[in-house]
Amino acid sequence: MRCCVIGGAGFIGSHLLPLLAAGGRVLTVVGRSAAPVRKLPPGTKYVSGDYGDPLLLQQLMSQTDEVIDLAYATVPQTSYADPIFDIQAIMYHRLAGLPVIIVRPGNAYGPGQVPGTGQGFVATAIAHILNHREVTIFGKEGTVRDYIHVTDVASGIASALERGEPGHCYNIGTGIGKTNLEVLKAIEPLASGKGCRVALHVSEARGFDVPSNILDSARLRKAAGWIPLVSFARGIEETWNYFAGTR
């Protein structure tokens, strides 16, 4: 099976690609950088280019059996301003029969995540704490999110690809919500052991932030038997040790 992974050299892709390669897929990864910024599985072809180039996409589609799109084009603020953009995948399935499977992961975190990119509160918070900077949350306790370790996200995507049904959406989450403040409290004892403290700055809540987002993954569990395996406590400690160890 030939599989093209758009944006596959990123954070989630670095954990997903080994799973796909282990399943016997021949991989092509498309990225915007001239060369991959992360190590790719042996035998993986890397293509540098613009995801929005129709000619490039046409060429890639003629040489592949599956496409996984990991290249996010929106963040909460832009999604709030232009919600139609986010539903076009599913629209092409219903209008033209495009065999699309959609996954909706919770807030992925874990080793290798890049802080300060507009996504990834855990990585950004840890980086700020290690650099003795304030961590900003919006609202008294921040938003409630379903934090899920990146290895569980990767296994969820692979499970949906293998056993999901076209036209369906599959949540990939733990079913447990945590506020930003609860995340910081989990990090605090780890930071203390490194001689760091959590300096908190509370700003006004933002209108485009969904106050609470907790995912029910029952559909994926039923279709593929998928469940998350990494506890939040273990994942946070692993992530803290990764960032603290790179200093």
C-alpha atoms as a PDB file:
ATOM      1  CA  MET A   1       0.000   0.000   0.000  1.00  0.00           C
ATOM      2  CA  ARG A   2       1.374   3.385  -1.028  1.00  0.00           C
ATOM      3  CA  CYS A   3       0.601   6.087   1.535  1.00  0.00           C
ATOM      4  CA  CYS A   4       1.222   9.825   1.167  1.00  0.00           C
ATOM      5  CA  VAL A   5       1.377  11.762   4.447  1.00  0.00           C
ATOM      6  CA  ILE A   6       1.012  15.512   4.030  1.00  0.00           C
ATOM      7  CA  GLY A   7       2.683  17.340   6.890  1.00  0.00           C
ATOM      8  CA  GLY A   8       4.054  14.013   8.046  1.00  0.00           C
ATOM      9  CA  ALA A   9       7.402  15.379   9.186  1.00  0.00           C
ATOM     10  CA  GLY A  10       5.764  17.245  12.057  1.00  0.00           C
ATOM     11  CA  PHE A  11       5.042  16.379  15.681  1.00  0.00           C
ATOM     12  CA  ILE A  12       2.211  13.876  15.214  1.00  0.00           C
ATOM     13  CA  GLY A  13       3.698  12.505  11.999  1.00  0.00           C
ATOM     14  CA  SER A  14       6.964  11.627  13.734  1.00  0.00           C
ATOM     15  CA  HIS A  15       5.010   9.185  15.903  1.00  0.00           C
ATOM     16  CA  LEU A  16       2.574   8.016  13.219  1.00  0.00           C
ATOM     17  CA  LEU A  17       5.062   7.227  10.439  1.00  0.00           C
ATOM     18  CA  PRO A  18       6.779   4.339  12.284  1.00  0.00           C
ATOM     19  CA  LEU A  19       3.379   2.714  12.868  1.00  0.00           C
ATOM     20  CA  LEU A  20       2.511   2.977   9.175  1.00  0.00           C
ATOM     21  CA  ALA A  21       5.915   1.684   8.099  1.00  0.00           C
ATOM     22  CA  ALA A  22       5.638  -1.251  10.503  1.00  0.00           C
ATOM     23  CA  GLY A  23       2.332  -2.123   8.827  1.00  0.00           C
ATOM     24  CA  GLY A  24       4.074  -2.507   5.469  1.00  0.00           C
ATOM     25  CA  ARG A  25       3.109   0.804   3.871  1.00  0.00           C
ATOM     26  CA  VAL A  26       5.418   2.504   1.379  1.00  0.00           C
ATOM     27  CA  LEU A  27       5.563   6.099   2.589  1.00  0.00           C
ATOM     28  CA  THR A  28       5.862   9.457   0.888  1.00  0.00           C
ATOM     29  CA  VAL A  29       6.029  12.479   3.175  1.00  0.00           C
ATOM     30  CA  VAL A  30       5.261  15.981   1.945  1.00  0.00           C
ATOM     31  CA  GLY A  31       6.659  18.960   3.828  1.00  0.00           C
ATOM     32  CA  ARG A  32       7.314  22.655   3.256  1.00  0.00           C
ATOM     33  CA  SER A  33      10.932  22.604   4.440  1.00  0.00           C
ATOM     34  CA  ALA A  34      13.708  21.809   1.972  1.00  0.00           C
ATOM     35  CA  ALA A  35      14.619  18.709   3.984  1.00  0.00           C
ATOM     36  CA  PRO A  36      12.766  16.825   6.749  1.00  0.00           C
ATOM     37  CA  VAL A  37      13.269  18.379  10.170  1.00  0.00           C
ATOM     38  CA  ARG A  38      12.744  15.040  11.917  1.00  0.00           C
ATOM     39  CA  LYS A  39      14.046  11.556  11.279  1.00  0.00           C
ATOM     40  CA  LEU A  40      11.894   9.530   8.883  1.00  0.00           C
ATOM     41  CA  PRO A  41      11.550   5.726   8.762  1.00  0.00           C
ATOM     42  CA  PRO A  42      13.974   3.965   6.395  1.00  0.00           C
ATOM     43  CA  GLY A  43      12.747   3.921   2.811  1.00  0.00           C
ATOM     44  CA  THR A  44      10.485   6.951   3.212  1.00  0.00           C
ATOM     45  CA  LYS A  45      10.450   9.357   0.269  1.00  0.00           C
ATOM     46  CA  TYR A  46      10.426  13.051   1.160  1.00  0.00           C
ATOM     47  CA  VAL A  47       8.898  15.666  -1.148  1.00  0.00           C
ATOM     48  CA  SER A  48       9.367  19.371  -0.468  1.00  0.00           C
ATOM     49  CA  GLY A  49       6.526  21.518  -1.742  1.00  0.00           C
ATOM     50  CA  ASP A  50       3.434  23.618  -1.148  1.00  0.00           C
ATOM     51  CA  TYR A  51       0.448  21.590   0.036  1.00  0.00           C
ATOM     52  CA  GLY A  52      -1.847  23.999  -1.789  1.00  0.00           C
ATOM     53  CA  ASP A  53      -0.230  23.502  -5.216  1.00  0.00           C
ATOM     54  CA  PRO A  54      -2.827  21.649  -7.363  1.00  0.00           C
ATOM     55  CA  LEU A  55      -0.194  20.338  -9.790  1.00  0.00           C
ATOM     56  CA  LEU A  56       1.893  18.882  -6.986  1.00  0.00           C
ATOM     57  CA  LEU A  57      -1.157  17.297  -5.384  1.00  0.00           C
ATOM     58  CA  GLN A  58      -2.281  15.837  -8.703  1.00  0.00           C
ATOM     59  CA  GLN A  59       1.133  14.294  -9.225  1.00  0.00           C
ATOM     60  CA  LEU A  60       1.190  12.831  -5.722  1.00  0.00           C
ATOM     61  CA  MET A  61      -2.355  11.456  -5.948  1.00  0.00           C
ATOM     62  CA  SER A  62      -1.513   9.581  -9.144  1.00  0.00           C
ATOM     63  CA  GLN A  63       1.191   7.691  -7.265  1.00  0.00           C
ATOM     64  CA  THR A  64      -0.591   6.791  -4.042  1.00  0.00           C
ATOM     65  CA  ASP A  65      -3.393   4.650  -2.629  1.00  0.00           C
ATOM     66  CA  GLU A  66      -3.981   6.549   0.609  1.00  0.00           C
ATOM     67  CA  VAL A  67      -3.528  10.125   1.765  1.00  0.00           C
ATOM     68  CA  ILE A  68      -3.224  11.271   5.370  1.00  0.00           C
ATOM     69  CA  ASP A  69      -3.458  15.028   5.816  1.00  0.00           C
ATOM     70  CA  LEU A  70      -1.736  16.168   9.008  1.00  0.00           C
ATOM     71  CA  ALA A  71      -1.114  19.728   7.845  1.00  0.00           C
ATOM     72  CA  TYR A  72      -3.352  21.919   9.981  1.00  0.00           C
ATOM     73  CA  ALA A  73      -4.459  25.104   8.247  1.00  0.00           C
ATOM     74  CA  THR A  74      -6.529  26.641  11.031  1.00  0.00           C
ATOM     75  CA  VAL A  75      -6.355  27.408  14.734  1.00  0.00           C
ATOM     76  CA  PRO A  76      -9.338  28.227  16.994  1.00  0.00           C
ATOM     77  CA  GLN A  77      -9.378  31.910  16.059  1.00  0.00           C
ATOM     78  CA  THR A  78      -9.363  31.338  12.298  1.00  0.00           C
ATOM     79  CA  SER A  79     -11.788  28.427  12.584  1.00  0.00           C
ATOM     80  CA  TYR A  80     -14.168  30.686  14.476  1.00  0.00           C
ATOM     81  CA  ALA A  81     -13.909  33.337  11.741  1.00  0.00           C
ATOM     82  CA  ASP A  82     -14.330  30.896   8.807  1.00  0.00           C
ATOM     83  CA  PRO A  83     -16.091  27.692   9.941  1.00  0.00           C
ATOM     84  CA  ILE A  84     -16.974  26.638   6.381  1.00  0.00           C
ATOM     85  CA  PHE A  85     -13.306  25.999   5.576  1.00  0.00           C
ATOM     86  CA  ASP A  86     -13.154  23.298   8.236  1.00  0.00           C
ATOM     87  CA  ILE A  87     -16.076  21.247   6.889  1.00  0.00           C
ATOM     88  CA  GLN A  88     -14.983  21.000   3.208  1.00  0.00           C
ATOM     89  CA  ALA A  89     -13.440  17.477   3.620  1.00  0.00           C
ATOM     90  CA  ILE A  90     -16.708  15.983   4.574  1.00  0.00           C
ATOM     91  CA  MET A  91     -18.470  18.175   1.967  1.00  0.00           C
ATOM     92  CA  TYR A  92     -16.548  16.563  -0.914  1.00  0.00           C
ATOM     93  CA  HIS A  93     -17.446  13.116   0.424  1.00  0.00           C
ATOM     94  CA  ARG A  94     -21.150  13.900   0.357  1.00  0.00           C
ATOM     95  CA  LEU A  95     -21.161  15.715  -2.979  1.00  0.00           C
ATOM     96  CA  ALA A  96     -18.617  13.704  -4.958  1.00  0.00           C
ATOM     97  CA  GLY A  97     -18.184  10.446  -3.070  1.00  0.00           C
ATOM     98  CA  LEU A  98     -14.596  11.145  -2.029  1.00  0.00           C
ATOM     99  CA  PRO A  99     -13.741   8.338   0.446  1.00  0.00           C
ATOM    100  CA  VAL A 100     -12.792  10.517   3.393  1.00  0.00           C
ATOM    101  CA  ILE A 101     -12.305   9.451   7.007  1.00  0.00           C
ATOM    102  CA  ILE A 102     -12.060  12.319   9.473  1.00  0.00           C
ATOM    103  CA  VAL A 103     -10.383  12.118  12.857  1.00  0.00           C
ATOM    104  CA  ARG A 104     -10.753  14.739  15.561  1.00  0.00           C
ATOM    105  CA  PRO A 105      -7.946  14.449  18.101  1.00  0.00           C
ATOM    106  CA  GLY A 106      -7.950  16.073  21.484  1.00  0.00           C
ATOM    107  CA  ASN A 107      -5.051  18.291  22.558  1.00  0.00           C
ATOM    108  CA  ALA A 108      -1.966  16.282  21.685  1.00  0.00           C
ATOM    109  CA  TYR A 109       1.116  16.669  23.844  1.00  0.00           C
ATOM    110  CA  GLY A 110       4.367  14.835  24.418  1.00  0.00           C
ATOM    111  CA  PRO A 111       8.094  14.780  23.655  1.00  0.00           C
ATOM    112  CA  GLY A 112       9.064  16.605  20.486  1.00  0.00           C
ATOM    113  CA  GLN A 113       6.226  19.116  20.428  1.00  0.00           C
ATOM    114  CA  VAL A 114       7.322  22.619  19.437  1.00  0.00           C
ATOM    115  CA  PRO A 115       6.293  25.261  21.980  1.00  0.00           C
ATOM    116  CA  GLY A 116       4.896  28.672  21.097  1.00  0.00           C
ATOM    117  CA  THR A 117       3.193  27.719  17.820  1.00  0.00           C
ATOM    118  CA  GLY A 118      -0.369  28.647  18.793  1.00  0.00           C
ATOM    119  CA  GLN A 119      -1.177  25.031  19.605  1.00  0.00           C
ATOM    120  CA  GLY A 120       0.108  22.838  22.405  1.00  0.00           C
ATOM    121  CA  PHE A 121      -0.463  24.355  25.815  1.00  0.00           C
ATOM    122  CA  VAL A 122       1.583  21.707  27.630  1.00  0.00           C
ATOM    123  CA  ALA A 123       4.766  22.251  25.610  1.00  0.00           C
ATOM    124  CA  THR A 124       4.442  26.039  25.729  1.00  0.00           C
ATOM    125  CA  ALA A 125       3.804  26.045  29.482  1.00  0.00           C
ATOM    126  CA  ILE A 126       6.789  23.812  30.207  1.00  0.00           C
ATOM    127  CA  ALA A 127       9.060  25.909  27.982  1.00  0.00           C
ATOM    128  CA  HIS A 128       7.944  29.104  29.739  1.00  0.00           C
ATOM    129  CA  ILE A 129       8.484  27.604  33.188  1.00  0.00           C
ATOM    130  CA  LEU A 130      11.977  26.363  32.305  1.00  0.00           C
ATOM    131  CA  ASN A 131      12.814  29.825  30.954  1.00  0.00           C
ATOM    132  CA  HIS A 132      11.387  31.537  34.070  1.00  0.00           C
ATOM    133  CA  ARG A 133       8.609  33.238  32.125  1.00  0.00           C
ATOM    134  CA  GLU A 134       4.968  33.731  33.045  1.00  0.00           C
ATOM    135  CA  VAL A 135       2.405  31.261  31.718  1.00  0.00           C
ATOM    136  CA  THR A 136      -0.734  32.993  30.453  1.00  0.00           C
ATOM    137  CA  ILE A 137      -4.172  31.424  30.719  1.00  0.00           C
ATOM    138  CA  PHE A 138      -7.402  32.989  29.508  1.00  0.00           C
ATOM    139  CA  GLY A 139     -10.124  33.058  32.147  1.00  0.00           C
ATOM    140  CA  LYS A 140      -9.880  32.247  35.847  1.00  0.00           C
ATOM    141  CA  GLU A 141      -8.880  28.604  35.319  1.00  0.00           C
ATOM    142  CA  GLY A 142      -8.412  28.651  31.550  1.00  0.00           C
ATOM    143  CA  THR A 143     -10.221  26.386  29.144  1.00  0.00           C
ATOM    144  CA  VAL A 144     -11.045  22.705  29.663  1.00  0.00           C
ATOM    145  CA  ARG A 145      -9.386  20.402  27.155  1.00  0.00           C
ATOM    146  CA  ASP A 146      -8.955  16.681  26.559  1.00  0.00           C
ATOM    147  CA  TYR A 147      -5.169  16.237  26.714  1.00  0.00           C
ATOM    148  CA  ILE A 148      -3.965  13.103  24.968  1.00  0.00           C
ATOM    149  CA  HIS A 149      -0.452  11.779  24.564  1.00  0.00           C
ATOM    150  CA  VAL A 150       0.891  11.936  21.010  1.00  0.00           C
ATOM    151  CA  THR A 151       1.507   8.178  20.831  1.00  0.00           C
ATOM    152  CA  ASP A 152      -2.199   7.611  21.532  1.00  0.00           C
ATOM    153  CA  VAL A 153      -3.106  10.128  18.825  1.00  0.00           C
ATOM    154  CA  ALA A 154      -0.870   8.285  16.373  1.00  0.00           C
ATOM    155  CA  SER A 155      -2.358   4.891  17.205  1.00  0.00           C
ATOM    156  CA  GLY A 156      -5.850   6.389  16.920  1.00  0.00           C
ATOM    157  CA  ILE A 157      -5.149   7.722  13.436  1.00  0.00           C
ATOM    158  CA  ALA A 158      -3.698   4.391  12.350  1.00  0.00           C
ATOM    159  CA  SER A 159      -6.737   2.570  13.772  1.00  0.00           C
ATOM    160  CA  ALA A 160      -9.171   4.847  11.932  1.00  0.00           C
ATOM    161  CA  LEU A 161      -7.236   4.376   8.696  1.00  0.00           C
ATOM    162  CA  GLU A 162      -7.307   0.607   9.033  1.00  0.00           C
ATOM    163  CA  ARG A 163     -10.858   0.091  10.270  1.00  0.00           C
ATOM    164  CA  GLY A 164     -12.735   3.349   9.904  1.00  0.00           C
ATOM    165  CA  GLU A 165     -15.635   3.831   7.519  1.00  0.00           C
ATOM    166  CA  PRO A 166     -15.545   6.575   4.841  1.00  0.00           C
ATOM    167  CA  GLY A 167     -17.831   9.467   5.646  1.00  0.00           C
ATOM    168  CA  HIS A 168     -17.490   8.987   9.403  1.00  0.00           C
ATOM    169  CA  CYS A 169     -15.773  11.178  11.960  1.00  0.00           C
ATOM    170  CA  TYR A 170     -13.831   9.571  14.804  1.00  0.00           C
ATOM    171  CA  ASN A 171     -12.856  11.350  17.994  1.00  0.00           C
ATOM    172  CA  ILE A 172      -9.445  10.542  19.458  1.00  0.00           C
ATOM    173  CA  GLY A 173      -9.481  11.509  23.098  1.00  0.00           C
ATOM    174  CA  THR A 174      -9.369  10.303  26.687  1.00  0.00           C
ATOM    175  CA  GLY A 175     -12.844  11.437  27.724  1.00  0.00           C
ATOM    176  CA  ILE A 176     -11.264  13.381  30.599  1.00  0.00           C
ATOM    177  CA  GLY A 177     -11.133  17.167  30.676  1.00  0.00           C
ATOM    178  CA  LYS A 178      -8.555  19.283  32.477  1.00  0.00           C
ATOM    179  CA  THR A 179      -8.358  23.041  32.890  1.00  0.00           C
ATOM    180  CA  ASN A 180      -5.170  24.923  32.068  1.00  0.00           C
ATOM    181  CA  LEU A 181      -4.807  25.497  35.789  1.00  0.00           C
ATOM    182  CA  GLU A 182      -5.024  21.752  36.509  1.00  0.00           C
ATOM    183  CA  VAL A 183      -2.302  21.126  33.924  1.00  0.00           C
ATOM    184  CA  LEU A 184      -0.048  23.661  35.621  1.00  0.00           C
ATOM    185  CA  LYS A 185      -0.686  22.080  39.010  1.00  0.00           C
ATOM    186  CA  ALA A 186       0.403  18.725  37.582  1.00  0.00           C
ATOM    187  CA  ILE A 187       3.607  20.309  36.263  1.00  0.00           C
ATOM    188  CA  GLU A 188       4.339  22.243  39.467  1.00  0.00           C
ATOM    189  CA  PRO A 189       5.995  19.451  41.522  1.00  0.00           C
ATOM    190  CA  LEU A 190       8.136  18.489  38.534  1.00  0.00           C
ATOM    191  CA  ALA A 191       9.191  22.113  38.110  1.00  0.00           C
ATOM    192  CA  SER A 192       9.949  22.439  41.808  1.00  0.00           C
ATOM    193  CA  GLY A 193      12.346  19.510  41.596  1.00  0.00           C
ATOM    194  CA  LYS A 194      14.240  21.404  38.902  1.00  0.00           C
ATOM    195  CA  GLY A 195      14.338  24.600  40.960  1.00  0.00           C
ATOM    196  CA  CYS A 196      11.672  26.290  38.840  1.00  0.00           C
ATOM    197  CA  ARG A 197       8.387  27.882  39.842  1.00  0.00           C
ATOM    198  CA  VAL A 198       5.129  28.346  37.948  1.00  0.00           C
ATOM    199  CA  ALA A 199       4.474  32.054  37.421  1.00  0.00           C
ATOM    200  CA  LEU A 200       0.860  32.517  36.331  1.00  0.00           C
ATOM    201  CA  HIS A 201      -0.734  35.394  34.427  1.00  0.00           C
ATOM    202  CA  VAL A 202      -4.520  35.371  34.044  1.00  0.00           C
ATOM    203  CA  SER A 203      -6.007  37.292  31.110  1.00  0.00           C
ATOM    204  CA  GLU A 204      -9.606  37.827  30.105  1.00  0.00           C
ATOM    205  CA  ALA A 205     -11.337  34.867  28.485  1.00  0.00           C
ATOM    206  CA  ARG A 206     -11.333  34.991  24.672  1.00  0.00           C
ATOM    207  CA  GLY A 207     -14.579  34.777  22.738  1.00  0.00           C
ATOM    208  CA  PHE A 208     -13.295  32.317  20.150  1.00  0.00           C
ATOM    209  CA  ASP A 209     -12.121  29.750  22.722  1.00  0.00           C
ATOM    210  CA  VAL A 210     -14.554  26.892  23.291  1.00  0.00           C
ATOM    211  CA  PRO A 211     -14.856  26.813  27.106  1.00  0.00           C
ATOM    212  CA  SER A 212     -14.815  23.012  27.318  1.00  0.00           C
ATOM    213  CA  ASN A 213     -13.906  20.333  24.791  1.00  0.00           C
ATOM    214  CA  ILE A 214     -13.958  16.715  26.004  1.00  0.00           C
ATOM    215  CA  LEU A 215     -14.099  13.913  23.445  1.00  0.00           C
ATOM    216  CA  ASP A 216     -16.128  10.719  23.421  1.00  0.00           C
ATOM    217  CA  SER A 217     -14.137   8.110  21.480  1.00  0.00           C
ATOM    218  CA  ALA A 218     -16.771   5.377  21.657  1.00  0.00           C
ATOM    219  CA  ARG A 219     -17.162   5.223  17.866  1.00  0.00           C
ATOM    220  CA  LEU A 220     -13.464   4.528  17.299  1.00  0.00           C
ATOM    221  CA  ARG A 221     -13.391   2.071  20.196  1.00  0.00           C
ATOM    222  CA  LYS A 222     -16.317   0.183  18.647  1.00  0.00           C
ATOM    223  CA  ALA A 223     -14.887   0.241  15.114  1.00  0.00           C
ATOM    224  CA  ALA A 224     -11.280  -0.580  15.913  1.00  0.00           C
ATOM    225  CA  GLY A 225     -10.960  -1.476  19.584  1.00  0.00           C
ATOM    226  CA  TRP A 226      -8.823   1.622  20.133  1.00  0.00           C
ATOM    227  CA  ILE A 227      -8.248   2.990  23.627  1.00  0.00           C
ATOM    228  CA  PRO A 228      -5.674   5.501  24.947  1.00  0.00           C
ATOM    229  CA  LEU A 229      -2.852   3.864  26.878  1.00  0.00           C
ATOM    230  CA  VAL A 230      -0.796   6.715  28.371  1.00  0.00           C
ATOM    231  CA  SER A 231      -2.076   8.241  31.611  1.00  0.00           C
ATOM    232  CA  PHE A 232      -1.904  12.010  32.012  1.00  0.00           C
ATOM    233  CA  ALA A 233       0.429  11.752  35.011  1.00  0.00           C
ATOM    234  CA  ARG A 234       2.877   9.542  33.130  1.00  0.00           C
ATOM    235  CA  GLY A 235       2.650  11.629  29.968  1.00  0.00           C
ATOM    236  CA  ILE A 236       3.254  14.922  31.760  1.00  0.00           C
ATOM    237  CA  GLU A 237       6.297  13.529  33.561  1.00  0.00           C
ATOM    238  CA  GLU A 238       7.705  12.149  30.301  1.00  0.00           C
ATOM    239  CA  THR A 239       7.132  15.470  28.538  1.00  0.00           C
ATOM    240  CA  TRP A 240       8.686  17.486  31.374  1.00  0.00           C
ATOM    241  CA  ASN A 241      11.748  15.223  31.429  1.00  0.00           C
ATOM    242  CA  TYR A 242      12.117  15.588  27.652  1.00  0.00           C
ATOM    243  CA  PHE A 243      12.159  19.394  27.741  1.00  0.00           C
ATOM    244  CA  ALA A 244      14.186  19.624  30.947  1.00  0.00           C
ATOM    245  CA  GLY A 245      16.721  17.180  29.524  1.00  0.00           C
ATOM    246  CA  THR A 246      17.244  19.169  26.313  1.00  0.00           C
ATOM    247  CA  ARG A 247      18.478  22.221  28.200  1.00  0.00           C
END
